[in-house]
Amino acid sequence: MSNINSIQRGTGSTPFPYATANITISAVNTAKATVEYLGTAPNSLSSPYWSSQGYFALTSSTNLMFVPRPSAGPGQVYSWEIVEYI
């Protein structure tokens, strides 16, 4: 079992259709970090409606990028988790 160095979680929303979001995170070693995409939902809905509507990518040690699917539409709420291992 690997030891965990840090865990970061967050949520956000896309204001416009197809808008890529760049999220500032605390620095992680990208070679030792994983991103978990917990889901998205329209602004007015809660977690039972979450489904895969885009993807996340660590673009640097301090930036997480969310790219919604073209069919996702505006106002998507997304949730993510980054686990950095020792």
C-alpha atoms as a PDB file:
ATOM      1  CA  MET A   1       0.000   0.000   0.000  1.00  0.00           C
ATOM      2  CA  SER A   2       1.328   3.436  -0.927  1.00  0.00           C
ATOM      3  CA  ASN A   3       1.593   6.231   1.589  1.00  0.00           C
ATOM      4  CA  ILE A   4      -0.420   9.363   0.900  1.00  0.00           C
ATOM      5  CA  ASN A   5       1.390  12.692   1.093  1.00  0.00           C
ATOM      6  CA  SER A   6      -1.623  14.959   0.510  1.00  0.00           C
ATOM      7  CA  ILE A   7      -5.238  15.038  -0.646  1.00  0.00           C
ATOM      8  CA  GLN A   8      -6.924  18.041  -2.244  1.00  0.00           C
ATOM      9  CA  ARG A   9     -10.605  18.233  -3.157  1.00  0.00           C
ATOM     10  CA  GLY A  10     -12.747  20.855  -4.758  1.00  0.00           C
ATOM     11  CA  THR A  11     -15.716  21.839  -6.843  1.00  0.00           C
ATOM     12  CA  GLY A  12     -16.323  24.518  -9.417  1.00  0.00           C
ATOM     13  CA  SER A  13     -18.630  25.450 -12.255  1.00  0.00           C
ATOM     14  CA  THR A  14     -18.373  26.393 -15.910  1.00  0.00           C
ATOM     15  CA  PRO A  15     -20.053  29.725 -16.655  1.00  0.00           C
ATOM     16  CA  PHE A  16     -20.320  29.190 -20.418  1.00  0.00           C
ATOM     17  CA  PRO A  17     -20.806  26.154 -22.665  1.00  0.00           C
ATOM     18  CA  TYR A  18     -17.559  24.359 -23.487  1.00  0.00           C
ATOM     19  CA  ALA A  19     -15.532  26.702 -21.221  1.00  0.00           C
ATOM     20  CA  THR A  20     -12.276  25.190 -20.008  1.00  0.00           C
ATOM     21  CA  ALA A  21     -11.586  25.907 -16.347  1.00  0.00           C
ATOM     22  CA  ASN A  22      -8.086  26.285 -14.892  1.00  0.00           C
ATOM     23  CA  ILE A  23      -7.972  25.644 -11.147  1.00  0.00           C
ATOM     24  CA  THR A  24      -5.056  26.704  -8.965  1.00  0.00           C
ATOM     25  CA  ILE A  25      -4.043  23.951  -6.539  1.00  0.00           C
ATOM     26  CA  SER A  26      -1.345  23.567  -3.907  1.00  0.00           C
ATOM     27  CA  ALA A  27       1.860  22.295  -5.517  1.00  0.00           C
ATOM     28  CA  VAL A  28       2.095  18.530  -6.094  1.00  0.00           C
ATOM     29  CA  ASN A  29       4.662  16.260  -7.681  1.00  0.00           C
ATOM     30  CA  THR A  30       2.813  15.418 -10.909  1.00  0.00           C
ATOM     31  CA  ALA A  31       4.734  12.136 -11.241  1.00  0.00           C
ATOM     32  CA  LYS A  32       3.305  11.010  -7.898  1.00  0.00           C
ATOM     33  CA  ALA A  33      -0.208  12.467  -8.117  1.00  0.00           C
ATOM     34  CA  THR A  34      -3.484  11.099  -9.441  1.00  0.00           C
ATOM     35  CA  VAL A  35      -6.636  13.018 -10.347  1.00  0.00           C
ATOM     36  CA  GLU A  36     -10.038  11.567  -9.598  1.00  0.00           C
ATOM     37  CA  TYR A  37     -12.972  13.022 -11.501  1.00  0.00           C
ATOM     38  CA  LEU A  38     -15.890  12.728  -9.106  1.00  0.00           C
ATOM     39  CA  GLY A  39     -18.506  13.968 -11.580  1.00  0.00           C
ATOM     40  CA  THR A  40     -20.528  16.879 -12.907  1.00  0.00           C
ATOM     41  CA  ALA A  41     -24.127  17.992 -12.645  1.00  0.00           C
ATOM     42  CA  PRO A  42     -26.267  20.889 -13.835  1.00  0.00           C
ATOM     43  CA  ASN A  43     -26.183  23.743 -11.285  1.00  0.00           C
ATOM     44  CA  SER A  44     -29.675  23.008  -9.956  1.00  0.00           C
ATOM     45  CA  LEU A  45     -29.121  19.277  -9.388  1.00  0.00           C
ATOM     46  CA  SER A  46     -27.296  17.372  -6.676  1.00  0.00           C
ATOM     47  CA  SER A  47     -25.051  14.320  -6.684  1.00  0.00           C
ATOM     48  CA  PRO A  48     -27.615  11.654  -7.690  1.00  0.00           C
ATOM     49  CA  TYR A  49     -27.543  13.201 -11.170  1.00  0.00           C
ATOM     50  CA  TRP A  50     -23.771  13.293 -11.582  1.00  0.00           C
ATOM     51  CA  SER A  51     -22.306  11.731 -14.701  1.00  0.00           C
ATOM     52  CA  SER A  52     -19.190  11.979 -16.826  1.00  0.00           C
ATOM     53  CA  GLN A  53     -19.384  15.293 -18.677  1.00  0.00           C
ATOM     54  CA  GLY A  54     -15.728  16.135 -19.243  1.00  0.00           C
ATOM     55  CA  TYR A  55     -12.217  15.400 -18.030  1.00  0.00           C
ATOM     56  CA  PHE A  56      -9.458  16.744 -15.778  1.00  0.00           C
ATOM     57  CA  ALA A  57      -5.724  17.031 -16.449  1.00  0.00           C
ATOM     58  CA  LEU A  58      -2.825  18.182 -14.283  1.00  0.00           C
ATOM     59  CA  THR A  59      -1.148  20.683 -16.596  1.00  0.00           C
ATOM     60  CA  SER A  60       1.506  21.700 -14.057  1.00  0.00           C
ATOM     61  CA  SER A  61       2.341  21.166 -10.399  1.00  0.00           C
ATOM     62  CA  THR A  62      -0.072  23.978  -9.446  1.00  0.00           C
ATOM     63  CA  ASN A  63      -2.765  23.823 -12.176  1.00  0.00           C
ATOM     64  CA  LEU A  64      -5.672  21.452 -12.703  1.00  0.00           C
ATOM     65  CA  MET A  65      -7.619  21.902 -15.935  1.00  0.00           C
ATOM     66  CA  PHE A  66     -11.257  20.865 -16.451  1.00  0.00           C
ATOM     67  CA  VAL A  67     -12.453  20.441 -20.039  1.00  0.00           C
ATOM     68  CA  PRO A  68     -16.219  19.870 -20.389  1.00  0.00           C
ATOM     69  CA  ARG A  69     -17.630  17.704 -23.148  1.00  0.00           C
ATOM     70  CA  PRO A  70     -19.161  19.783 -25.951  1.00  0.00           C
ATOM     71  CA  SER A  71     -22.605  18.386 -25.121  1.00  0.00           C
ATOM     72  CA  ALA A  72     -22.324  19.338 -21.435  1.00  0.00           C
ATOM     73  CA  GLY A  73     -23.884  22.784 -21.857  1.00  0.00           C
ATOM     74  CA  PRO A  74     -23.469  25.818 -19.589  1.00  0.00           C
ATOM     75  CA  GLY A  75     -23.471  25.869 -15.814  1.00  0.00           C
ATOM     76  CA  GLN A  76     -21.953  22.462 -15.128  1.00  0.00           C
ATOM     77  CA  VAL A  77     -20.854  21.892 -11.522  1.00  0.00           C
ATOM     78  CA  TYR A  78     -17.857  19.568 -11.273  1.00  0.00           C
ATOM     79  CA  SER A  79     -16.052  17.842  -8.412  1.00  0.00           C
ATOM     80  CA  TRP A  80     -12.474  16.561  -8.226  1.00  0.00           C
ATOM     81  CA  GLU A  81      -9.848  15.040  -5.932  1.00  0.00           C
ATOM     82  CA  ILE A  82      -6.050  14.950  -6.235  1.00  0.00           C
ATOM     83  CA  VAL A  83      -4.088  12.382  -4.256  1.00  0.00           C
ATOM     84  CA  GLU A  84      -0.318  12.829  -4.054  1.00  0.00           C
ATOM     85  CA  TYR A  85       1.706   9.825  -2.905  1.00  0.00           C
ATOM     86  CA  ILE A  86       5.060   9.804  -1.120  1.00  0.00           C
END
